[in-house]
Amino acid sequence: MKIVPVVRKAKLKDIDEDWENLQYWLSRPVKERAAAVTKLISFSLKPDQQMDKTFVVKRKLH
């Protein structure tokens, strides 16, 4: 396997990284997005701490 660097040249004022990140995550399946959020939350938890799910709202899709 060979690692190839990716270079993108653009003016700083033309780069909207937030928009690009949003577009990327909206293009991913819901299951993958949920897994990524869960993983990010788990990084902030202490070893024996569990995720607080009291703020999670479950809704049925129409």
N, C-alpha and C. Protein backbone atom coordinates (compact mmCIF):
# COMPACT_ATOMS: atom_id res chain seq x y z
N MET A 1 0.85 -1.17 0.00
CA MET A 1 0.00 0.00 0.00
C MET A 1 0.90 1.24 0.00
N LYS A 2 0.55 2.21 -0.80
CA LYS A 2 1.33 3.43 -0.91
C LYS A 2 0.46 4.61 -0.49
N ILE A 3 1.00 5.47 0.35
CA ILE A 3 0.27 6.66 0.79
C ILE A 3 0.61 7.80 -0.16
N VAL A 4 -0.42 8.40 -0.71
CA VAL A 4 -0.24 9.49 -1.67
C VAL A 4 -0.77 10.77 -1.03
N PRO A 5 0.04 11.81 -0.93
CA PRO A 5 -0.45 13.07 -0.35
C PRO A 5 -1.46 13.74 -1.28
N VAL A 6 -2.46 14.35 -0.69
CA VAL A 6 -3.46 15.07 -1.46
C VAL A 6 -3.25 16.56 -1.21
N VAL A 7 -3.07 17.31 -2.27
CA VAL A 7 -2.83 18.74 -2.16
C VAL A 7 -3.92 19.48 -2.89
N ARG A 8 -4.45 20.48 -2.23
CA ARG A 8 -5.48 21.31 -2.85
C ARG A 8 -5.08 22.76 -2.68
N LYS A 9 -4.82 23.44 -3.76
CA LYS A 9 -4.39 24.83 -3.69
C LYS A 9 -5.59 25.73 -3.93
N ALA A 10 -5.77 26.67 -3.01
CA ALA A 10 -6.86 27.64 -3.14
C ALA A 10 -6.54 28.83 -2.25
N LYS A 11 -7.15 29.94 -2.55
CA LYS A 11 -6.99 31.12 -1.70
C LYS A 11 -7.77 30.90 -0.41
N LEU A 12 -7.22 31.36 0.69
CA LEU A 12 -7.86 31.16 1.99
C LEU A 12 -9.26 31.73 2.03
N LYS A 13 -9.47 32.85 1.38
CA LYS A 13 -10.81 33.46 1.42
C LYS A 13 -11.84 32.64 0.63
N ASP A 14 -11.37 31.76 -0.25
CA ASP A 14 -12.28 30.95 -1.07
C ASP A 14 -12.63 29.61 -0.43
N ILE A 15 -11.94 29.26 0.63
CA ILE A 15 -12.16 27.95 1.26
C ILE A 15 -13.24 28.07 2.32
N ASP A 16 -14.28 27.25 2.19
CA ASP A 16 -15.34 27.19 3.20
C ASP A 16 -15.38 25.76 3.72
N GLU A 17 -14.49 25.46 4.65
CA GLU A 17 -14.34 24.10 5.14
C GLU A 17 -15.58 23.61 5.89
N ASP A 18 -16.25 24.51 6.59
CA ASP A 18 -17.47 24.11 7.30
C ASP A 18 -18.52 23.59 6.32
N TRP A 19 -18.70 24.29 5.22
CA TRP A 19 -19.69 23.88 4.20
C TRP A 19 -19.30 22.53 3.59
N GLU A 20 -18.02 22.37 3.30
CA GLU A 20 -17.55 21.11 2.73
C GLU A 20 -17.73 19.95 3.71
N ASN A 21 -17.45 20.20 4.98
CA ASN A 21 -17.66 19.16 5.99
C ASN A 21 -19.14 18.79 6.09
N LEU A 22 -20.00 19.79 6.08
CA LEU A 22 -21.44 19.54 6.15
C LEU A 22 -21.89 18.71 4.95
N GLN A 23 -21.44 19.08 3.77
CA GLN A 23 -21.82 18.33 2.57
C GLN A 23 -21.35 16.89 2.62
N TYR A 24 -20.14 16.69 3.15
CA TYR A 24 -19.61 15.33 3.26
C TYR A 24 -20.48 14.49 4.19
N TRP A 25 -20.76 15.02 5.40
CA TRP A 25 -21.52 14.23 6.36
C TRP A 25 -22.96 14.02 5.93
N LEU A 26 -23.53 14.96 5.21
CA LEU A 26 -24.89 14.76 4.70
C LEU A 26 -24.92 13.71 3.60
N SER A 27 -23.79 13.47 2.96
CA SER A 27 -23.74 12.45 1.91
C SER A 27 -23.55 11.05 2.48
N ARG A 28 -23.21 10.94 3.75
CA ARG A 28 -22.98 9.64 4.39
C ARG A 28 -24.30 9.08 4.91
N PRO A 29 -24.44 7.77 5.01
CA PRO A 29 -25.67 7.17 5.54
C PRO A 29 -25.88 7.54 7.02
N VAL A 30 -27.13 7.56 7.43
CA VAL A 30 -27.48 7.93 8.81
C VAL A 30 -26.76 7.03 9.82
N LYS A 31 -26.69 5.76 9.52
CA LYS A 31 -26.04 4.82 10.44
C LYS A 31 -24.56 5.20 10.66
N GLU A 32 -23.89 5.58 9.59
CA GLU A 32 -22.48 5.97 9.70
C GLU A 32 -22.33 7.28 10.49
N ARG A 33 -23.24 8.23 10.27
CA ARG A 33 -23.19 9.50 11.01
C ARG A 33 -23.41 9.27 12.50
N ALA A 34 -24.37 8.41 12.84
CA ALA A 34 -24.66 8.11 14.25
C ALA A 34 -23.46 7.42 14.90
N ALA A 35 -22.82 6.52 14.18
CA ALA A 35 -21.64 5.84 14.71
C ALA A 35 -20.51 6.83 14.97
N ALA A 36 -20.34 7.80 14.07
CA ALA A 36 -19.28 8.80 14.24
C ALA A 36 -19.55 9.68 15.45
N VAL A 37 -20.81 10.09 15.64
CA VAL A 37 -21.16 10.91 16.81
C VAL A 37 -20.94 10.14 18.10
N THR A 38 -21.34 8.88 18.12
CA THR A 38 -21.16 8.05 19.31
C THR A 38 -19.67 7.89 19.63
N LYS A 39 -18.87 7.71 18.60
CA LYS A 39 -17.42 7.56 18.81
C LYS A 39 -16.83 8.86 19.37
N LEU A 40 -17.23 10.00 18.83
CA LEU A 40 -16.72 11.27 19.32
C LEU A 40 -17.11 11.50 20.78
N ILE A 41 -18.34 11.15 21.13
CA ILE A 41 -18.79 11.31 22.51
C ILE A 41 -17.99 10.39 23.43
N SER A 42 -17.72 9.17 22.97
CA SER A 42 -16.99 8.21 23.81
C SER A 42 -15.58 8.69 24.11
N PHE A 43 -14.99 9.50 23.22
CA PHE A 43 -13.66 10.04 23.49
C PHE A 43 -13.64 10.97 24.69
N SER A 44 -14.76 11.63 24.95
CA SER A 44 -14.82 12.60 26.05
C SER A 44 -15.22 11.95 27.38
N LEU A 45 -15.59 10.68 27.37
CA LEU A 45 -16.01 10.00 28.59
C LEU A 45 -14.82 9.41 29.34
N LYS A 46 -14.97 9.33 30.64
CA LYS A 46 -13.95 8.67 31.47
C LYS A 46 -14.10 7.16 31.30
N PRO A 47 -13.08 6.37 31.65
CA PRO A 47 -13.11 4.93 31.39
C PRO A 47 -14.36 4.18 31.87
N ASP A 48 -14.87 4.47 33.06
CA ASP A 48 -16.04 3.75 33.57
C ASP A 48 -17.34 4.53 33.40
N GLN A 49 -17.28 5.65 32.74
CA GLN A 49 -18.46 6.50 32.56
C GLN A 49 -19.25 6.06 31.34
N GLN A 50 -20.59 6.16 31.44
CA GLN A 50 -21.45 5.83 30.31
C GLN A 50 -22.06 7.10 29.75
N MET A 51 -22.48 7.02 28.49
CA MET A 51 -23.08 8.17 27.84
C MET A 51 -24.44 8.48 28.49
N ASP A 52 -24.66 9.76 28.78
CA ASP A 52 -25.92 10.20 29.35
C ASP A 52 -26.95 10.30 28.23
N LYS A 53 -27.94 9.42 28.26
CA LYS A 53 -28.92 9.36 27.18
C LYS A 53 -30.22 10.07 27.53
N THR A 54 -30.21 10.86 28.61
CA THR A 54 -31.44 11.54 29.00
C THR A 54 -31.82 12.65 28.03
N PHE A 55 -30.87 13.13 27.23
CA PHE A 55 -31.15 14.21 26.30
C PHE A 55 -31.49 13.70 24.91
N VAL A 56 -31.46 12.40 24.72
CA VAL A 56 -31.77 11.82 23.42
C VAL A 56 -33.27 11.77 23.23
N VAL A 57 -33.75 12.28 22.10
CA VAL A 57 -35.17 12.28 21.80
C VAL A 57 -35.40 11.27 20.68
N LYS A 58 -36.25 10.30 20.96
CA LYS A 58 -36.55 9.30 19.94
C LYS A 58 -37.85 9.69 19.24
N ARG A 59 -37.78 9.77 17.91
CA ARG A 59 -38.96 10.12 17.13
C ARG A 59 -39.17 9.06 16.06
N LYS A 60 -40.41 8.78 15.75
CA LYS A 60 -40.72 7.85 14.69
C LYS A 60 -40.74 8.61 13.37
N LEU A 61 -40.18 8.00 12.34
CA LEU A 61 -40.21 8.62 11.02
C LEU A 61 -41.57 8.38 10.38
N HIS A 62 -42.02 9.32 9.64
CA HIS A 62 -43.35 9.22 9.00
C HIS A 62 -43.31 8.26 7.85
